[in-house]
Amino acid sequence: MIENPGATGRPERRHLRRLERVWVEPPIYFVTVCSHKRRRCLAREPIAGAVMDGLRTAAESCRWRVGQYVVMPDHIHFFCAPRDRDGSLSAFVGW
């Protein structure tokens, strides 16, 4: 909300305009995957390295592009997009 002083001296509240819809083909997804019971297992280098290797392998095997990612102690965030129009996000993440 934007606050502007109105004629009464009190702030006038207006909502910001919404952007038009943006559609990108193929879609780019922002994915978050958490460890089981949010255990901090990804803080250990061998496990974090295995997760990053797994992302690269999955990307090649499932024909997905994996962009920037960040590995946190109990979860990972990454951007991904299918190389083919029929790429399934659930199949890729499940792999």
PDB file of N, CA and C in Angstrom:
ATOM      1  N   MET A   1       0.833  -1.176   0.000  1.00  0.00           N
ATOM      2  CA  MET A   1       0.000   0.000   0.000  1.00  0.00           C
ATOM      3  C   MET A   1       0.880   1.242   0.000  1.00  0.00           C
ATOM      4  N   ILE A   2       0.356   2.284  -0.586  1.00  0.00           N
ATOM      5  CA  ILE A   2       1.044   3.570  -0.617  1.00  0.00           C
ATOM      6  C   ILE A   2       0.264   4.517   0.275  1.00  0.00           C
ATOM      7  N   GLU A   3       0.974   5.252   1.083  1.00  0.00           N
ATOM      8  CA  GLU A   3       0.300   6.220   1.946  1.00  0.00           C
ATOM      9  C   GLU A   3       0.605   7.628   1.466  1.00  0.00           C
ATOM     10  N   ASN A   4      -0.437   8.390   1.144  1.00  0.00           N
ATOM     11  CA  ASN A   4      -0.319   9.790   0.732  1.00  0.00           C
ATOM     12  C   ASN A   4      -1.184  10.621   1.664  1.00  0.00           C
ATOM     13  N   PRO A   5      -0.711  11.781   2.080  1.00  0.00           N
ATOM     14  CA  PRO A   5      -1.579  12.609   2.928  1.00  0.00           C
ATOM     15  C   PRO A   5      -2.775  13.090   2.120  1.00  0.00           C
ATOM     16  N   GLY A   6      -3.963  12.846   2.630  1.00  0.00           N
ATOM     17  CA  GLY A   6      -5.181  13.287   1.961  1.00  0.00           C
ATOM     18  C   GLY A   6      -5.602  14.670   2.445  1.00  0.00           C
ATOM     19  N   ALA A   7      -6.766  15.115   1.998  1.00  0.00           N
ATOM     20  CA  ALA A   7      -7.290  16.432   2.373  1.00  0.00           C
ATOM     21  C   ALA A   7      -7.549  16.523   3.871  1.00  0.00           C
ATOM     22  N   THR A   8      -7.797  15.369   4.501  1.00  0.00           N
ATOM     23  CA  THR A   8      -8.082  15.359   5.934  1.00  0.00           C
ATOM     24  C   THR A   8      -6.810  15.368   6.770  1.00  0.00           C
ATOM     25  N   GLY A   9      -5.655  15.256   6.133  1.00  0.00           N
ATOM     26  CA  GLY A   9      -4.396  15.194   6.866  1.00  0.00           C
ATOM     27  C   GLY A   9      -4.019  13.776   7.246  1.00  0.00           C
ATOM     28  N   ARG A  10      -4.960  12.850   7.090  1.00  0.00           N
ATOM     29  CA  ARG A  10      -4.669  11.441   7.362  1.00  0.00           C
ATOM     30  C   ARG A  10      -4.146  10.775   6.089  1.00  0.00           C
ATOM     31  N   PRO A  11      -3.329   9.751   6.226  1.00  0.00           N
ATOM     32  CA  PRO A  11      -2.820   9.077   5.026  1.00  0.00           C
ATOM     33  C   PRO A  11      -3.946   8.449   4.221  1.00  0.00           C
ATOM     34  N   GLU A  12      -3.876   8.610   2.916  1.00  0.00           N
ATOM     35  CA  GLU A  12      -4.815   7.957   1.998  1.00  0.00           C
ATOM     36  C   GLU A  12      -4.145   6.665   1.551  1.00  0.00           C
ATOM     37  N   ARG A  13      -4.828   5.570   1.669  1.00  0.00           N
ATOM     38  CA  ARG A  13      -4.219   4.275   1.326  1.00  0.00           C
ATOM     39  C   ARG A  13      -4.688   3.827  -0.057  1.00  0.00           C
ATOM     40  N   ARG A  14      -3.714   3.571  -0.921  1.00  0.00           N
ATOM     41  CA  ARG A  14      -4.006   3.051  -2.256  1.00  0.00           C
ATOM     42  C   ARG A  14      -3.203   1.772  -2.450  1.00  0.00           C
ATOM     43  N   HIS A  15      -3.757   0.839  -3.160  1.00  0.00           N
ATOM     44  CA  HIS A  15      -3.045  -0.393  -3.483  1.00  0.00           C
ATOM     45  C   HIS A  15      -2.209  -0.190  -4.741  1.00  0.00           C
ATOM     46  N   LEU A  16      -1.062  -0.854  -4.783  1.00  0.00           N
ATOM     47  CA  LEU A  16      -0.235  -0.811  -5.987  1.00  0.00           C
ATOM     48  C   LEU A  16      -0.926  -1.573  -7.104  1.00  0.00           C
ATOM     49  N   ARG A  17      -0.716  -1.135  -8.335  1.00  0.00           N
ATOM     50  CA  ARG A  17      -1.270  -1.849  -9.484  1.00  0.00           C
ATOM     51  C   ARG A  17      -0.570  -3.186  -9.641  1.00  0.00           C
ATOM     52  N   ARG A  18      -1.311  -4.196  -9.989  1.00  0.00           N
ATOM     53  CA  ARG A  18      -0.720  -5.506 -10.239  1.00  0.00           C
ATOM     54  C   ARG A  18      -0.120  -5.532 -11.638  1.00  0.00           C
ATOM     55  N   LEU A  19       0.946  -6.292 -11.781  1.00  0.00           N
ATOM     56  CA  LEU A  19       1.554  -6.471 -13.097  1.00  0.00           C
ATOM     57  C   LEU A  19       0.679  -7.384 -13.936  1.00  0.00           C
ATOM     58  N   GLU A  20       0.775  -7.217 -15.234  1.00  0.00           N
ATOM     59  CA  GLU A  20       0.101  -8.152 -16.126  1.00  0.00           C
ATOM     60  C   GLU A  20       0.767  -9.513 -15.955  1.00  0.00           C
ATOM     61  N   ARG A  21       0.079 -10.557 -16.337  1.00  0.00           N
ATOM     62  CA  ARG A  21       0.660 -11.897 -16.224  1.00  0.00           C
ATOM     63  C   ARG A  21       1.856 -12.039 -17.148  1.00  0.00           C
ATOM     64  N   VAL A  22       2.849 -12.720 -16.664  1.00  0.00           N
ATOM     65  CA  VAL A  22       4.051 -12.985 -17.448  1.00  0.00           C
ATOM     66  C   VAL A  22       4.111 -14.490 -17.671  1.00  0.00           C
ATOM     67  N   TRP A  23       4.301 -14.892 -18.903  1.00  0.00           N
ATOM     68  CA  TRP A  23       4.364 -16.316 -19.206  1.00  0.00           C
ATOM     69  C   TRP A  23       5.634 -16.581 -19.984  1.00  0.00           C
ATOM     70  N   VAL A  24       6.422 -17.520 -19.509  1.00  0.00           N
ATOM     71  CA  VAL A  24       7.687 -17.871 -20.135  1.00  0.00           C
ATOM     72  C   VAL A  24       7.595 -19.324 -20.590  1.00  0.00           C
ATOM     73  N   GLU A  25       8.001 -19.599 -21.798  1.00  0.00           N
ATOM     74  CA  GLU A  25       8.024 -20.976 -22.313  1.00  0.00           C
ATOM     75  C   GLU A  25       9.450 -21.365 -22.604  1.00  0.00           C
ATOM     76  N   PRO A  26       9.965 -22.426 -22.119  1.00  0.00           N
ATOM     77  CA  PRO A  26       9.387 -23.273 -21.084  1.00  0.00           C
ATOM     78  C   PRO A  26       9.423 -22.552 -19.733  1.00  0.00           C
ATOM     79  N   PRO A  27       8.577 -22.976 -18.801  1.00  0.00           N
ATOM     80  CA  PRO A  27       8.542 -22.298 -17.502  1.00  0.00           C
ATOM     81  C   PRO A  27       9.830 -22.526 -16.719  1.00  0.00           C
ATOM     82  N   ILE A  28      10.169 -21.572 -15.875  1.00  0.00           N
ATOM     83  CA  ILE A  28      11.310 -21.695 -14.968  1.00  0.00           C
ATOM     84  C   ILE A  28      10.729 -21.838 -13.567  1.00  0.00           C
ATOM     85  N   TYR A  29      11.139 -22.874 -12.885  1.00  0.00           N
ATOM     86  CA  TYR A  29      10.615 -23.159 -11.549  1.00  0.00           C
ATOM     87  C   TYR A  29      11.653 -22.826 -10.490  1.00  0.00           C
ATOM     88  N   PHE A  30      11.180 -22.357  -9.348  1.00  0.00           N
ATOM     89  CA  PHE A  30      12.021 -22.177  -8.164  1.00  0.00           C
ATOM     90  C   PHE A  30      11.580 -23.261  -7.201  1.00  0.00           C
ATOM     91  N   VAL A  31      12.501 -24.171  -6.872  1.00  0.00           N
ATOM     92  CA  VAL A  31      12.167 -25.356  -6.083  1.00  0.00           C
ATOM     93  C   VAL A  31      12.916 -25.317  -4.753  1.00  0.00           C
ATOM     94  N   THR A  32      12.234 -25.735  -3.703  1.00  0.00           N
ATOM     95  CA  THR A  32      12.854 -25.914  -2.395  1.00  0.00           C
ATOM     96  C   THR A  32      12.627 -27.357  -1.980  1.00  0.00           C
ATOM     97  N   VAL A  33      13.703 -28.041  -1.619  1.00  0.00           N
ATOM     98  CA  VAL A  33      13.618 -29.420  -1.153  1.00  0.00           C
ATOM     99  C   VAL A  33      14.231 -29.465   0.241  1.00  0.00           C
ATOM    100  N   CYS A  34      13.471 -30.000   1.190  1.00  0.00           N
ATOM    101  CA  CYS A  34      13.929 -30.065   2.585  1.00  0.00           C
ATOM    102  C   CYS A  34      14.382 -31.480   2.940  1.00  0.00           C
ATOM    103  N   SER A  35      15.322 -31.575   3.840  1.00  0.00           N
ATOM    104  CA  SER A  35      15.765 -32.878   4.331  1.00  0.00           C
ATOM    105  C   SER A  35      14.681 -33.471   5.230  1.00  0.00           C
ATOM    106  N   HIS A  36      14.748 -34.777   5.407  1.00  0.00           N
ATOM    107  CA  HIS A  36      13.776 -35.482   6.245  1.00  0.00           C
ATOM    108  C   HIS A  36      13.813 -34.933   7.669  1.00  0.00           C
ATOM    109  N   LYS A  37      12.664 -34.519   8.149  1.00  0.00           N
ATOM    110  CA  LYS A  37      12.519 -33.944   9.496  1.00  0.00           C
ATOM    111  C   LYS A  37      13.424 -32.734   9.709  1.00  0.00           C
ATOM    112  N   ARG A  38      13.762 -32.062   8.600  1.00  0.00           N
ATOM    113  CA  ARG A  38      14.590 -30.848   8.615  1.00  0.00           C
ATOM    114  C   ARG A  38      15.917 -31.055   9.363  1.00  0.00           C
ATOM    115  N   ARG A  39      16.452 -32.263   9.277  1.00  0.00           N
ATOM    116  CA  ARG A  39      17.761 -32.521   9.888  1.00  0.00           C
ATOM    117  C   ARG A  39      18.827 -31.714   9.160  1.00  0.00           C
ATOM    118  N   ARG A  40      19.828 -31.272   9.861  1.00  0.00           N
ATOM    119  CA  ARG A  40      20.873 -30.403   9.314  1.00  0.00           C
ATOM    120  C   ARG A  40      21.990 -31.216   8.659  1.00  0.00           C
ATOM    121  N   CYS A  41      21.613 -32.243   7.926  1.00  0.00           N
ATOM    122  CA  CYS A  41      22.595 -33.149   7.328  1.00  0.00           C
ATOM    123  C   CYS A  41      23.353 -32.520   6.151  1.00  0.00           C
ATOM    124  N   LEU A  42      22.796 -31.490   5.518  1.00  0.00           N
ATOM    125  CA  LEU A  42      23.460 -30.890   4.363  1.00  0.00           C
ATOM    126  C   LEU A  42      24.598 -29.956   4.753  1.00  0.00           C
ATOM    127  N   ALA A  43      24.800 -29.764   6.053  1.00  0.00           N
ATOM    128  CA  ALA A  43      25.900 -28.921   6.520  1.00  0.00           C
ATOM    129  C   ALA A  43      27.235 -29.649   6.383  1.00  0.00           C
ATOM    130  N   ARG A  44      27.195 -30.956   6.170  1.00  0.00           N
ATOM    131  CA  ARG A  44      28.430 -31.741   6.019  1.00  0.00           C
ATOM    132  C   ARG A  44      28.798 -31.821   4.546  1.00  0.00           C
ATOM    133  N   GLU A  45      30.044 -31.503   4.246  1.00  0.00           N
ATOM    134  CA  GLU A  45      30.526 -31.412   2.861  1.00  0.00           C
ATOM    135  C   GLU A  45      30.253 -32.668   2.033  1.00  0.00           C
ATOM    136  N   PRO A  46      30.522 -33.867   2.522  1.00  0.00           N
ATOM    137  CA  PRO A  46      30.280 -35.035   1.654  1.00  0.00           C
ATOM    138  C   PRO A  46      28.815 -35.158   1.230  1.00  0.00           C
ATOM    139  N   ILE A  47      27.906 -34.843   2.125  1.00  0.00           N
ATOM    140  CA  ILE A  47      26.483 -34.969   1.807  1.00  0.00           C
ATOM    141  C   ILE A  47      26.059 -33.836   0.870  1.00  0.00           C
ATOM    142  N   ALA A  48      26.481 -32.608   1.149  1.00  0.00           N
ATOM    143  CA  ALA A  48      26.142 -31.483   0.270  1.00  0.00           C
ATOM    144  C   ALA A  48      26.715 -31.720  -1.123  1.00  0.00           C
ATOM    145  N   GLY A  49      27.921 -32.239  -1.205  1.00  0.00           N
ATOM    146  CA  GLY A  49      28.532 -32.546  -2.506  1.00  0.00           C
ATOM    147  C   GLY A  49      27.747 -33.604  -3.257  1.00  0.00           C
ATOM    148  N   ALA A  50      27.269 -34.627  -2.542  1.00  0.00           N
ATOM    149  CA  ALA A  50      26.469 -35.677  -3.175  1.00  0.00           C
ATOM    150  C   ALA A  50      25.155 -35.112  -3.705  1.00  0.00           C
ATOM    151  N   VAL A  51      24.554 -34.177  -2.973  1.00  0.00           N
ATOM    152  CA  VAL A  51      23.305 -33.551  -3.431  1.00  0.00           C
ATOM    153  C   VAL A  51      23.561 -32.742  -4.703  1.00  0.00           C
ATOM    154  N   MET A  52      24.647 -31.972  -4.733  1.00  0.00           N
ATOM    155  CA  MET A  52      24.963 -31.187  -5.933  1.00  0.00           C
ATOM    156  C   MET A  52      25.266 -32.098  -7.116  1.00  0.00           C
ATOM    157  N   ASP A  53      26.003 -33.197  -6.880  1.00  0.00           N
ATOM    158  CA  ASP A  53      26.253 -34.157  -7.959  1.00  0.00           C
ATOM    159  C   ASP A  53      24.940 -34.770  -8.439  1.00  0.00           C
ATOM    160  N   GLY A  54      24.048 -35.062  -7.492  1.00  0.00           N
ATOM    161  CA  GLY A  54      22.745 -35.618  -7.848  1.00  0.00           C
ATOM    162  C   GLY A  54      21.927 -34.669  -8.703  1.00  0.00           C
ATOM    163  N   LEU A  55      21.987 -33.385  -8.399  1.00  0.00           N
ATOM    164  CA  LEU A  55      21.274 -32.395  -9.218  1.00  0.00           C
ATOM    165  C   LEU A  55      21.814 -32.393 -10.646  1.00  0.00           C
ATOM    166  N   ARG A  56      23.128 -32.423 -10.774  1.00  0.00           N
ATOM    167  CA  ARG A  56      23.724 -32.425 -12.112  1.00  0.00           C
ATOM    168  C   ARG A  56      23.356 -33.703 -12.870  1.00  0.00           C
ATOM    169  N   THR A  57      23.418 -34.839 -12.203  1.00  0.00           N
ATOM    170  CA  THR A  57      23.084 -36.116 -12.834  1.00  0.00           C
ATOM    171  C   THR A  57      21.615 -36.161 -13.237  1.00  0.00           C
ATOM    172  N   ALA A  58      20.752 -35.710 -12.337  1.00  0.00           N
ATOM    173  CA  ALA A  58      19.318 -35.699 -12.633  1.00  0.00           C
ATOM    174  C   ALA A  58      19.025 -34.780 -13.808  1.00  0.00           C
ATOM    175  N   ALA A  59      19.696 -33.654 -13.851  1.00  0.00           N
ATOM    176  CA  ALA A  59      19.483 -32.705 -14.949  1.00  0.00           C
ATOM    177  C   ALA A  59      19.839 -33.352 -16.286  1.00  0.00           C
ATOM    178  N   GLU A  60      20.936 -34.096 -16.316  1.00  0.00           N
ATOM    179  CA  GLU A  60      21.350 -34.753 -17.551  1.00  0.00           C
ATOM    180  C   GLU A  60      20.428 -35.921 -17.889  1.00  0.00           C
ATOM    181  N   SER A  61      20.089 -36.725 -16.884  1.00  0.00           N
ATOM    182  CA  SER A  61      19.258 -37.918 -17.114  1.00  0.00           C
ATOM    183  C   SER A  61      17.823 -37.572 -17.474  1.00  0.00           C
ATOM    184  N   CYS A  62      17.272 -36.555 -16.842  1.00  0.00           N
ATOM    185  CA  CYS A  62      15.863 -36.190 -17.049  1.00  0.00           C
ATOM    186  C   CYS A  62      15.682 -35.078 -18.065  1.00  0.00           C
ATOM    187  N   ARG A  63      16.781 -34.600 -18.637  1.00  0.00           N
ATOM    188  CA  ARG A  63      16.733 -33.516 -19.631  1.00  0.00           C
ATOM    189  C   ARG A  63      16.132 -32.239 -19.070  1.00  0.00           C
ATOM    190  N   TRP A  64      16.662 -31.818 -17.944  1.00  0.00           N
ATOM    191  CA  TRP A  64      16.267 -30.553 -17.317  1.00  0.00           C
ATOM    192  C   TRP A  64      17.487 -29.666 -17.211  1.00  0.00           C
ATOM    193  N   ARG A  65      17.261 -28.374 -17.215  1.00  0.00           N
ATOM    194  CA  ARG A  65      18.327 -27.407 -16.960  1.00  0.00           C
ATOM    195  C   ARG A  65      18.246 -27.024 -15.485  1.00  0.00           C
ATOM    196  N   VAL A  66      19.380 -27.008 -14.820  1.00  0.00           N
ATOM    197  CA  VAL A  66      19.436 -26.566 -13.430  1.00  0.00           C
ATOM    198  C   VAL A  66      20.274 -25.306 -13.402  1.00  0.00           C
ATOM    199  N   GLY A  67      19.696 -24.238 -12.876  1.00  0.00           N
ATOM    200  CA  GLY A  67      20.388 -22.959 -12.804  1.00  0.00           C
ATOM    201  C   GLY A  67      21.051 -22.781 -11.450  1.00  0.00           C
ATOM    202  N   GLN A  68      20.994 -21.588 -10.952  1.00  0.00           N
ATOM    203  CA  GLN A  68      21.607 -21.264  -9.669  1.00  0.00           C
ATOM    204  C   GLN A  68      20.953 -22.068  -8.555  1.00  0.00           C
ATOM    205  N   TYR A  69      21.772 -22.458  -7.584  1.00  0.00           N
ATOM    206  CA  TYR A  69      21.240 -23.170  -6.430  1.00  0.00           C
ATOM    207  C   TYR A  69      22.016 -22.760  -5.190  1.00  0.00           C
ATOM    208  N   VAL A  70      21.400 -22.988  -4.052  1.00  0.00           N
ATOM    209  CA  VAL A  70      22.066 -22.740  -2.781  1.00  0.00           C
ATOM    210  C   VAL A  70      21.713 -23.899  -1.854  1.00  0.00           C
ATOM    211  N   VAL A  71      22.742 -24.429  -1.209  1.00  0.00           N
ATOM    212  CA  VAL A  71      22.559 -25.546  -0.285  1.00  0.00           C
ATOM    213  C   VAL A  71      22.635 -24.992   1.136  1.00  0.00           C
ATOM    214  N   MET A  72      21.575 -25.168   1.877  1.00  0.00           N
ATOM    215  CA  MET A  72      21.494 -24.733   3.273  1.00  0.00           C
ATOM    216  C   MET A  72      21.631 -25.980   4.154  1.00  0.00           C
ATOM    217  N   PRO A  73      21.815 -25.821   5.458  1.00  0.00           N
ATOM    218  CA  PRO A  73      22.006 -27.002   6.318  1.00  0.00           C
ATOM    219  C   PRO A  73      20.876 -28.030   6.259  1.00  0.00           C
ATOM    220  N   ASP A  74      19.624 -27.575   6.072  1.00  0.00           N
ATOM    221  CA  ASP A  74      18.512 -28.531   6.084  1.00  0.00           C
ATOM    222  C   ASP A  74      17.624 -28.464   4.837  1.00  0.00           C
ATOM    223  N   HIS A  75      18.032 -27.698   3.830  1.00  0.00           N
ATOM    224  CA  HIS A  75      17.261 -27.637   2.591  1.00  0.00           C
ATOM    225  C   HIS A  75      18.117 -27.076   1.461  1.00  0.00           C
ATOM    226  N   ILE A  76      17.580 -27.186   0.261  1.00  0.00           N
ATOM    227  CA  ILE A  76      18.256 -26.658  -0.918  1.00  0.00           C
ATOM    228  C   ILE A  76      17.235 -25.896  -1.749  1.00  0.00           C
ATOM    229  N   HIS A  77      17.663 -24.776  -2.330  1.00  0.00           N
ATOM    230  CA  HIS A  77      16.848 -23.997  -3.255  1.00  0.00           C
ATOM    231  C   HIS A  77      17.529 -24.062  -4.615  1.00  0.00           C
ATOM    232  N   PHE A  78      16.733 -24.197  -5.689  1.00  0.00           N
ATOM    233  CA  PHE A  78      17.330 -24.137  -7.024  1.00  0.00           C
ATOM    234  C   PHE A  78      16.295 -23.735  -8.063  1.00  0.00           C
ATOM    235  N   PHE A  79      16.800 -23.204  -9.171  1.00  0.00           N
ATOM    236  CA  PHE A  79      15.980 -22.888 -10.331  1.00  0.00           C
ATOM    237  C   PHE A  79      16.165 -24.009 -11.346  1.00  0.00           C
ATOM    238  N   CYS A  80      15.080 -24.372 -12.019  1.00  0.00           N
ATOM    239  CA  CYS A  80      15.185 -25.401 -13.043  1.00  0.00           C
ATOM    240  C   CYS A  80      14.137 -25.158 -14.132  1.00  0.00           C
ATOM    241  N   ALA A  81      14.395 -25.732 -15.296  1.00  0.00           N
ATOM    242  CA  ALA A  81      13.468 -25.609 -16.427  1.00  0.00           C
ATOM    243  C   ALA A  81      13.604 -26.856 -17.292  1.00  0.00           C
ATOM    244  N   PRO A  82      12.497 -27.334 -17.846  1.00  0.00           N
ATOM    245  CA  PRO A  82      12.579 -28.506 -18.724  1.00  0.00           C
ATOM    246  C   PRO A  82      13.214 -28.144 -20.060  1.00  0.00           C
ATOM    247  N   ARG A  83      13.970 -29.082 -20.605  1.00  0.00           N
ATOM    248  CA  ARG A  83      14.532 -28.859 -21.945  1.00  0.00           C
ATOM    249  C   ARG A  83      13.484 -29.137 -23.018  1.00  0.00           C
ATOM    250  N   ASP A  84      12.524 -29.996 -22.684  1.00  0.00           N
ATOM    251  CA  ASP A  84      11.443 -30.334 -23.602  1.00  0.00           C
ATOM    252  C   ASP A  84      10.133 -29.801 -23.039  1.00  0.00           C
ATOM    253  N   ARG A  85       9.191 -29.530 -23.914  1.00  0.00           N
ATOM    254  CA  ARG A  85       7.892 -28.993 -23.472  1.00  0.00           C
ATOM    255  C   ARG A  85       7.154 -29.967 -22.561  1.00  0.00           C
ATOM    256  N   ASP A  86       7.391 -31.254 -22.701  1.00  0.00           N
ATOM    257  CA  ASP A  86       6.642 -32.233 -21.922  1.00  0.00           C
ATOM    258  C   ASP A  86       7.382 -32.676 -20.659  1.00  0.00           C
ATOM    259  N   GLY A  87       8.402 -31.937 -20.238  1.00  0.00           N
ATOM    260  CA  GLY A  87       9.140 -32.282 -19.027  1.00  0.00           C
ATOM    261  C   GLY A  87       8.262 -32.169 -17.793  1.00  0.00           C
ATOM    262  N   SER A  88       8.267 -33.195 -16.956  1.00  0.00           N
ATOM    263  CA  SER A  88       7.450 -33.213 -15.742  1.00  0.00           C
ATOM    264  C   SER A  88       8.287 -32.778 -14.549  1.00  0.00           C
ATOM    265  N   LEU A  89       7.852 -31.717 -13.868  1.00  0.00           N
ATOM    266  CA  LEU A  89       8.564 -31.245 -12.682  1.00  0.00           C
ATOM    267  C   LEU A  89       8.553 -32.306 -11.595  1.00  0.00           C
ATOM    268  N   SER A  90       7.426 -32.949 -11.361  1.00  0.00           N
ATOM    269  CA  SER A  90       7.354 -33.953 -10.295  1.00  0.00           C
ATOM    270  C   SER A  90       8.277 -35.141 -10.593  1.00  0.00           C
ATOM    271  N   ALA A  91       8.372 -35.538 -11.864  1.00  0.00           N
ATOM    272  CA  ALA A  91       9.276 -36.630 -12.214  1.00  0.00           C
ATOM    273  C   ALA A  91      10.740 -36.223 -11.988  1.00  0.00           C
ATOM    274  N   PHE A  92      11.064 -34.994 -12.363  1.00  0.00           N
ATOM    275  CA  PHE A  92      12.431 -34.520 -12.182  1.00  0.00           C
ATOM    276  C   PHE A  92      12.808 -34.438 -10.694  1.00  0.00           C
ATOM    277  N   VAL A  93      11.966 -33.816  -9.886  1.00  0.00           N
ATOM    278  CA  VAL A  93      12.259 -33.681  -8.458  1.00  0.00           C
ATOM    279  C   VAL A  93      12.255 -35.047  -7.784  1.00  0.00           C
ATOM    280  N   GLY A  94      11.348 -35.925  -8.214  1.00  0.00           N
ATOM    281  CA  GLY A  94      11.294 -37.270  -7.641  1.00  0.00           C
ATOM    282  C   GLY A  94      12.513 -38.102  -7.968  1.00  0.00           C
ATOM    283  N   TRP A  95      13.100 -37.855  -9.149  1.00  0.00           N
ATOM    284  CA  TRP A  95      14.290 -38.599  -9.548  1.00  0.00           C
ATOM    285  C   TRP A  95      15.407 -38.293  -8.589  1.00  0.00           C
TER     286      TRP A  95
END
